[in-house]
């Protein structure tokens, strides 16, 4: 009897995870469709006319945070963030995908990270994430991203999400960067991904920024 109940619980848990995964893929696909039809927040207009990296980072961050408030994404824990990331990786390694769809995937993962931060009681906002991004960009320059492009970004992003999973699911105390820094890095990489797809990542950083 106990074994039967245990098996039923495992099956039910698997079905729930499957349904959640399908829902995430559907939400992701809907975003892509809306972008392609011009009904979503199309990045072409938002990024138009920008000449410095700082401003492009601000637009990307604003888009991610605004998207997190649309109600189309449901994030109950780090597993949901993982679901959005896995969907994005599968779909983005298809070279035939449109740039609108690739952009939408970065925005979805970033928005999911913003929602996870909120559930964890971590305070993030557009200005904080953008300022950290600009400071780091002044240190790193363009080459660390330019050489491997979006695929290299996804490897970095996967590492950050895997660290979050390990810490949150094990209950371990971070020994290096805090959970806030970890989640902010996820949002930051997604903003950079948006900039990369919008062909704005290689813009120069403003000379006087944070000097």
C-alpha atoms as a PDB file:
ATOM      1  CA  UNK A   1       0.000   0.000   0.000  1.00  0.00           C
ATOM      2  CA  UNK A   2       2.803   2.427   0.949  1.00  0.00           C
ATOM      3  CA  UNK A   3       4.705   1.590  -2.232  1.00  0.00           C
ATOM      4  CA  UNK A   4       1.578   2.210  -4.298  1.00  0.00           C
ATOM      5  CA  UNK A   5       0.996   5.627  -2.700  1.00  0.00           C
ATOM      6  CA  UNK A   6       4.651   6.548  -3.121  1.00  0.00           C
ATOM      7  CA  UNK A   7       4.539   5.559  -6.790  1.00  0.00           C
ATOM      8  CA  UNK A   8       1.349   7.575  -7.317  1.00  0.00           C
ATOM      9  CA  UNK A   9       2.983  10.641  -5.749  1.00  0.00           C
ATOM     10  CA  UNK A  10       5.999  10.283  -8.033  1.00  0.00           C
ATOM     11  CA  UNK A  11       3.778   9.981 -11.092  1.00  0.00           C
ATOM     12  CA  UNK A  12       1.710  13.009 -10.052  1.00  0.00           C
ATOM     13  CA  UNK A  13       4.860  15.028  -9.393  1.00  0.00           C
ATOM     14  CA  UNK A  14       6.169  14.112 -12.832  1.00  0.00           C
ATOM     15  CA  UNK A  15       2.927  15.135 -14.489  1.00  0.00           C
ATOM     16  CA  UNK A  16       2.928  18.482 -12.691  1.00  0.00           C
ATOM     17  CA  UNK A  17       6.483  19.175 -13.844  1.00  0.00           C
ATOM     18  CA  UNK A  18       5.529  18.193 -17.395  1.00  0.00           C
ATOM     19  CA  UNK A  19       2.522  20.514 -17.412  1.00  0.00           C
ATOM     20  CA  UNK A  20       4.626  23.382 -16.041  1.00  0.00           C
ATOM     21  CA  UNK A  21       7.256  22.750 -18.706  1.00  0.00           C
ATOM     22  CA  UNK A  22       4.598  22.778 -21.442  1.00  0.00           C
ATOM     23  CA  UNK A  23       3.150  25.999 -20.055  1.00  0.00           C
ATOM     24  CA  UNK A  24       6.577  27.633 -20.117  1.00  0.00           C
ATOM     25  CA  UNK A  25       7.134  26.573 -23.716  1.00  0.00           C
ATOM     26  CA  UNK A  26       3.685  27.883 -24.676  1.00  0.00           C
ATOM     27  CA  UNK A  27       4.337  31.235 -22.956  1.00  0.00           C
ATOM     28  CA  UNK A  28       7.710  31.416 -24.675  1.00  0.00           C
ATOM     29  CA  UNK A  29       6.179  30.594 -28.067  1.00  0.00           C
ATOM     30  CA  UNK A  30       3.421  33.157 -27.567  1.00  0.00           C
ATOM     31  CA  UNK A  31       5.995  35.857 -26.892  1.00  0.00           C
ATOM     32  CA  UNK A  32       7.847  34.920 -30.064  1.00  0.00           C
ATOM     33  CA  UNK A  33       4.622  34.978 -32.071  1.00  0.00           C
ATOM     34  CA  UNK A  34       3.579  38.367 -30.716  1.00  0.00           C
ATOM     35  CA  UNK A  35       6.979  39.806 -31.504  1.00  0.00           C
ATOM     36  CA  UNK A  36       6.916  38.431 -35.036  1.00  0.00           C
ATOM     37  CA  UNK A  37       3.409  39.830 -35.599  1.00  0.00           C
ATOM     38  CA  UNK A  38       4.433  43.210 -34.242  1.00  0.00           C
ATOM     39  CA  UNK A  39       2.016  42.911 -31.321  1.00  0.00           C
ATOM     40  CA  UNK A  40       4.636  42.561 -28.610  1.00  0.00           C
ATOM     41  CA  UNK A  41       7.295  44.907 -27.356  1.00  0.00           C
ATOM     42  CA  UNK A  42       9.422  44.909 -30.493  1.00  0.00           C
ATOM     43  CA  UNK A  43      13.000  45.775 -29.636  1.00  0.00           C
ATOM     44  CA  UNK A  44      13.729  47.432 -32.990  1.00  0.00           C
ATOM     45  CA  UNK A  45      11.864  50.579 -31.990  1.00  0.00           C
ATOM     46  CA  UNK A  46      13.140  50.600 -28.399  1.00  0.00           C
ATOM     47  CA  UNK A  47      16.811  50.390 -29.374  1.00  0.00           C
ATOM     48  CA  UNK A  48      16.606  52.705 -32.356  1.00  0.00           C
ATOM     49  CA  UNK A  49      19.048  55.609 -32.451  1.00  0.00           C
ATOM     50  CA  UNK A  50      21.112  54.579 -29.438  1.00  0.00           C
ATOM     51  CA  UNK A  51      24.816  55.345 -29.689  1.00  0.00           C
ATOM     52  CA  UNK A  52      26.296  54.278 -26.338  1.00  0.00           C
ATOM     53  CA  UNK A  53      26.377  50.988 -24.455  1.00  0.00           C
ATOM     54  CA  UNK A  54      24.969  52.498 -21.270  1.00  0.00           C
ATOM     55  CA  UNK A  55      21.711  53.536 -22.939  1.00  0.00           C
ATOM     56  CA  UNK A  56      21.284  50.182 -24.674  1.00  0.00           C
ATOM     57  CA  UNK A  57      21.775  48.410 -21.329  1.00  0.00           C
ATOM     58  CA  UNK A  58      19.123  50.654 -19.800  1.00  0.00           C
ATOM     59  CA  UNK A  59      16.612  49.822 -22.551  1.00  0.00           C
ATOM     60  CA  UNK A  60      17.294  46.096 -22.199  1.00  0.00           C
ATOM     61  CA  UNK A  61      16.875  46.201 -18.414  1.00  0.00           C
ATOM     62  CA  UNK A  62      13.684  48.237 -18.665  1.00  0.00           C
ATOM     63  CA  UNK A  63      12.255  45.765 -21.166  1.00  0.00           C
ATOM     64  CA  UNK A  64      13.051  42.785 -18.919  1.00  0.00           C
ATOM     65  CA  UNK A  65      11.578  44.376 -15.798  1.00  0.00           C
ATOM     66  CA  UNK A  66       8.467  45.542 -17.654  1.00  0.00           C
ATOM     67  CA  UNK A  67       8.006  42.057 -19.089  1.00  0.00           C
ATOM     68  CA  UNK A  68       8.129  40.586 -15.580  1.00  0.00           C
ATOM     69  CA  UNK A  69       5.017  42.608 -14.750  1.00  0.00           C
ATOM     70  CA  UNK A  70       2.866  41.446 -17.670  1.00  0.00           C
ATOM     71  CA  UNK A  71       1.511  38.432 -15.782  1.00  0.00           C
ATOM     72  CA  UNK A  72       2.361  36.057 -18.629  1.00  0.00           C
ATOM     73  CA  UNK A  73       5.169  34.335 -16.714  1.00  0.00           C
ATOM     74  CA  UNK A  74       4.624  32.230 -13.597  1.00  0.00           C
ATOM     75  CA  UNK A  75       7.637  31.613 -11.375  1.00  0.00           C
ATOM     76  CA  UNK A  76       7.185  29.761  -8.108  1.00  0.00           C
ATOM     77  CA  UNK A  77      10.783  28.770  -7.545  1.00  0.00           C
ATOM     78  CA  UNK A  78      14.185  28.203  -9.093  1.00  0.00           C
ATOM     79  CA  UNK A  79      12.859  25.168 -10.974  1.00  0.00           C
ATOM     80  CA  UNK A  80      10.658  27.454 -13.054  1.00  0.00           C
ATOM     81  CA  UNK A  81      13.646  29.649 -13.905  1.00  0.00           C
ATOM     82  CA  UNK A  82      15.455  26.492 -14.975  1.00  0.00           C
ATOM     83  CA  UNK A  83      12.483  25.601 -17.192  1.00  0.00           C
ATOM     84  CA  UNK A  84      12.593  28.920 -19.014  1.00  0.00           C
ATOM     85  CA  UNK A  85      16.367  28.650 -19.440  1.00  0.00           C
ATOM     86  CA  UNK A  86      16.199  25.103 -20.801  1.00  0.00           C
ATOM     87  CA  UNK A  87      13.476  26.113 -23.263  1.00  0.00           C
ATOM     88  CA  UNK A  88      15.558  29.079 -24.395  1.00  0.00           C
ATOM     89  CA  UNK A  89      18.684  26.956 -24.867  1.00  0.00           C
ATOM     90  CA  UNK A  90      16.840  24.358 -26.946  1.00  0.00           C
ATOM     91  CA  UNK A  91      15.164  26.956 -29.119  1.00  0.00           C
ATOM     92  CA  UNK A  92      18.109  29.345 -29.468  1.00  0.00           C
ATOM     93  CA  UNK A  93      20.545  26.751 -30.737  1.00  0.00           C
ATOM     94  CA  UNK A  94      18.326  26.486 -33.821  1.00  0.00           C
ATOM     95  CA  UNK A  95      20.115  28.713 -36.327  1.00  0.00           C
ATOM     96  CA  UNK A  96      16.912  29.231 -38.326  1.00  0.00           C
ATOM     97  CA  UNK A  97      15.163  31.165 -35.567  1.00  0.00           C
ATOM     98  CA  UNK A  98      14.370  34.825 -36.117  1.00  0.00           C
ATOM     99  CA  UNK A  99      16.169  37.517 -34.191  1.00  0.00           C
ATOM    100  CA  UNK A 100      12.827  38.533 -32.663  1.00  0.00           C
ATOM    101  CA  UNK A 101      12.383  35.053 -31.233  1.00  0.00           C
ATOM    102  CA  UNK A 102      15.945  34.942 -29.919  1.00  0.00           C
ATOM    103  CA  UNK A 103      15.417  38.292 -28.256  1.00  0.00           C
ATOM    104  CA  UNK A 104      12.160  37.087 -26.692  1.00  0.00           C
ATOM    105  CA  UNK A 105      13.925  34.113 -25.127  1.00  0.00           C
ATOM    106  CA  UNK A 106      16.515  36.301 -23.388  1.00  0.00           C
ATOM    107  CA  UNK A 107      13.763  38.586 -22.133  1.00  0.00           C
ATOM    108  CA  UNK A 108      11.706  35.677 -20.789  1.00  0.00           C
ATOM    109  CA  UNK A 109      14.592  34.220 -18.787  1.00  0.00           C
ATOM    110  CA  UNK A 110      15.529  37.648 -17.442  1.00  0.00           C
ATOM    111  CA  UNK A 111      11.946  38.385 -16.414  1.00  0.00           C
ATOM    112  CA  UNK A 112      11.706  34.973 -14.738  1.00  0.00           C
ATOM    113  CA  UNK A 113      14.834  35.819 -12.733  1.00  0.00           C
ATOM    114  CA  UNK A 114      13.285  39.142 -11.665  1.00  0.00           C
ATOM    115  CA  UNK A 115      10.179  37.290 -10.467  1.00  0.00           C
ATOM    116  CA  UNK A 116      12.306  34.741  -8.605  1.00  0.00           C
ATOM    117  CA  UNK A 117      14.204  37.555  -6.903  1.00  0.00           C
ATOM    118  CA  UNK A 118      10.911  39.016  -5.718  1.00  0.00           C
ATOM    119  CA  UNK A 119       9.815  35.659  -4.267  1.00  0.00           C
ATOM    120  CA  UNK A 120      13.132  35.396  -2.440  1.00  0.00           C
ATOM    121  CA  UNK A 121      12.768  38.884  -0.971  1.00  0.00           C
ATOM    122  CA  UNK A 122      15.680  40.178  -3.038  1.00  0.00           C
ATOM    123  CA  UNK A 123      15.360  43.809  -4.068  1.00  0.00           C
ATOM    124  CA  UNK A 124      16.323  44.473  -7.678  1.00  0.00           C
ATOM    125  CA  UNK A 125      15.505  47.419  -9.886  1.00  0.00           C
ATOM    126  CA  UNK A 126      16.402  48.690 -13.339  1.00  0.00           C
ATOM    127  CA  UNK A 127      18.866  51.323 -12.145  1.00  0.00           C
ATOM    128  CA  UNK A 128      20.794  48.905  -9.932  1.00  0.00           C
ATOM    129  CA  UNK A 129      21.174  46.217 -12.592  1.00  0.00           C
ATOM    130  CA  UNK A 130      22.070  48.705 -15.317  1.00  0.00           C
ATOM    131  CA  UNK A 131      24.699  50.475 -13.212  1.00  0.00           C
ATOM    132  CA  UNK A 132      26.378  47.182 -12.283  1.00  0.00           C
ATOM    133  CA  UNK A 133      26.346  46.115 -15.931  1.00  0.00           C
ATOM    134  CA  UNK A 134      28.024  49.322 -17.073  1.00  0.00           C
ATOM    135  CA  UNK A 135      30.703  49.110 -14.377  1.00  0.00           C
ATOM    136  CA  UNK A 136      31.497  45.516 -15.327  1.00  0.00           C
ATOM    137  CA  UNK A 137      31.527  46.342 -19.015  1.00  0.00           C
ATOM    138  CA  UNK A 138      34.156  49.013 -18.398  1.00  0.00           C
ATOM    139  CA  UNK A 139      36.304  46.317 -16.756  1.00  0.00           C
ATOM    140  CA  UNK A 140      35.716  43.470 -19.234  1.00  0.00           C
ATOM    141  CA  UNK A 141      35.336  45.280 -22.544  1.00  0.00           C
ATOM    142  CA  UNK A 142      33.685  43.663 -25.552  1.00  0.00           C
ATOM    143  CA  UNK A 143      35.961  40.733 -26.302  1.00  0.00           C
ATOM    144  CA  UNK A 144      34.768  38.365 -23.561  1.00  0.00           C
ATOM    145  CA  UNK A 145      31.341  38.230 -25.224  1.00  0.00           C
ATOM    146  CA  UNK A 146      32.203  38.989 -28.841  1.00  0.00           C
ATOM    147  CA  UNK A 147      34.315  35.862 -29.400  1.00  0.00           C
ATOM    148  CA  UNK A 148      31.631  33.277 -28.552  1.00  0.00           C
ATOM    149  CA  UNK A 149      28.478  35.352 -28.940  1.00  0.00           C
ATOM    150  CA  UNK A 150      25.120  34.136 -27.692  1.00  0.00           C
ATOM    151  CA  UNK A 151      26.260  30.532 -27.190  1.00  0.00           C
ATOM    152  CA  UNK A 152      28.999  31.666 -24.835  1.00  0.00           C
ATOM    153  CA  UNK A 153      26.438  33.800 -23.004  1.00  0.00           C
ATOM    154  CA  UNK A 154      24.180  30.796 -22.509  1.00  0.00           C
ATOM    155  CA  UNK A 155      27.052  28.824 -20.971  1.00  0.00           C
ATOM    156  CA  UNK A 156      27.701  31.651 -18.502  1.00  0.00           C
ATOM    157  CA  UNK A 157      23.982  31.964 -17.788  1.00  0.00           C
ATOM    158  CA  UNK A 158      23.630  28.219 -17.225  1.00  0.00           C
ATOM    159  CA  UNK A 159      26.460  28.315 -14.670  1.00  0.00           C
ATOM    160  CA  UNK A 160      24.710  31.077 -12.740  1.00  0.00           C
ATOM    161  CA  UNK A 161      21.348  29.295 -12.721  1.00  0.00           C
ATOM    162  CA  UNK A 162      23.001  26.005 -11.709  1.00  0.00           C
ATOM    163  CA  UNK A 163      24.631  27.803  -8.762  1.00  0.00           C
ATOM    164  CA  UNK A 164      21.257  29.229  -7.725  1.00  0.00           C
ATOM    165  CA  UNK A 165      19.680  25.780  -7.911  1.00  0.00           C
ATOM    166  CA  UNK A 166      22.413  24.251  -5.780  1.00  0.00           C
ATOM    167  CA  UNK A 167      22.214  26.938  -3.109  1.00  0.00           C
ATOM    168  CA  UNK A 168      18.431  27.175  -2.916  1.00  0.00           C
ATOM    169  CA  UNK A 169      17.675  23.461  -3.088  1.00  0.00           C
ATOM    170  CA  UNK A 170      20.416  22.472  -0.632  1.00  0.00           C
ATOM    171  CA  UNK A 171      19.856  25.378   1.738  1.00  0.00           C
ATOM    172  CA  UNK A 172      23.590  26.042   1.731  1.00  0.00           C
ATOM    173  CA  UNK A 173      24.987  29.432   2.705  1.00  0.00           C
ATOM    174  CA  UNK A 174      26.874  31.158  -0.136  1.00  0.00           C
ATOM    175  CA  UNK A 175      30.606  31.357   0.540  1.00  0.00           C
ATOM    176  CA  UNK A 176      31.367  33.855  -2.204  1.00  0.00           C
ATOM    177  CA  UNK A 177      28.873  36.056  -4.035  1.00  0.00           C
ATOM    178  CA  UNK A 178      25.488  36.556  -2.391  1.00  0.00           C
ATOM    179  CA  UNK A 179      22.177  35.266  -3.716  1.00  0.00           C
ATOM    180  CA  UNK A 180      21.346  38.846  -4.704  1.00  0.00           C
ATOM    181  CA  UNK A 181      24.512  39.124  -6.774  1.00  0.00           C
ATOM    182  CA  UNK A 182      23.820  35.705  -8.293  1.00  0.00           C
ATOM    183  CA  UNK A 183      20.271  36.595  -9.377  1.00  0.00           C
ATOM    184  CA  UNK A 184      21.418  40.010 -10.581  1.00  0.00           C
ATOM    185  CA  UNK A 185      24.055  38.319 -12.757  1.00  0.00           C
ATOM    186  CA  UNK A 186      21.312  36.190 -14.338  1.00  0.00           C
ATOM    187  CA  UNK A 187      19.277  39.303 -15.160  1.00  0.00           C
ATOM    188  CA  UNK A 188      22.432  41.039 -16.344  1.00  0.00           C
ATOM    189  CA  UNK A 189      23.418  38.265 -18.741  1.00  0.00           C
ATOM    190  CA  UNK A 190      19.885  38.289 -20.129  1.00  0.00           C
ATOM    191  CA  UNK A 191      20.090  42.044 -20.692  1.00  0.00           C
ATOM    192  CA  UNK A 192      23.383  41.533 -22.509  1.00  0.00           C
ATOM    193  CA  UNK A 193      21.713  38.789 -24.558  1.00  0.00           C
ATOM    194  CA  UNK A 194      18.988  41.241 -25.559  1.00  0.00           C
ATOM    195  CA  UNK A 195      21.629  43.780 -26.537  1.00  0.00           C
ATOM    196  CA  UNK A 196      23.514  41.155 -28.533  1.00  0.00           C
ATOM    197  CA  UNK A 197      20.423  40.169 -30.516  1.00  0.00           C
ATOM    198  CA  UNK A 198      19.579  43.848 -31.118  1.00  0.00           C
ATOM    199  CA  UNK A 199      23.116  44.375 -32.452  1.00  0.00           C
ATOM    200  CA  UNK A 200      23.865  46.924 -29.716  1.00  0.00           C
ATOM    201  CA  UNK A 201      26.381  45.090 -27.532  1.00  0.00           C
ATOM    202  CA  UNK A 202      29.416  46.439 -29.410  1.00  0.00           C
ATOM    203  CA  UNK A 203      28.456  50.066 -28.857  1.00  0.00           C
ATOM    204  CA  UNK A 204      31.063  52.083 -26.918  1.00  0.00           C
ATOM    205  CA  UNK A 205      30.609  52.669 -23.213  1.00  0.00           C
ATOM    206  CA  UNK A 206      30.241  56.359 -22.418  1.00  0.00           C
ATOM    207  CA  UNK A 207      33.587  57.799 -21.389  1.00  0.00           C
ATOM    208  CA  UNK A 208      32.405  59.498 -18.223  1.00  0.00           C
ATOM    209  CA  UNK A 209      30.296  56.642 -16.859  1.00  0.00           C
ATOM    210  CA  UNK A 210      31.065  55.821 -13.229  1.00  0.00           C
ATOM    211  CA  UNK A 211      34.512  57.336 -13.358  1.00  0.00           C
END
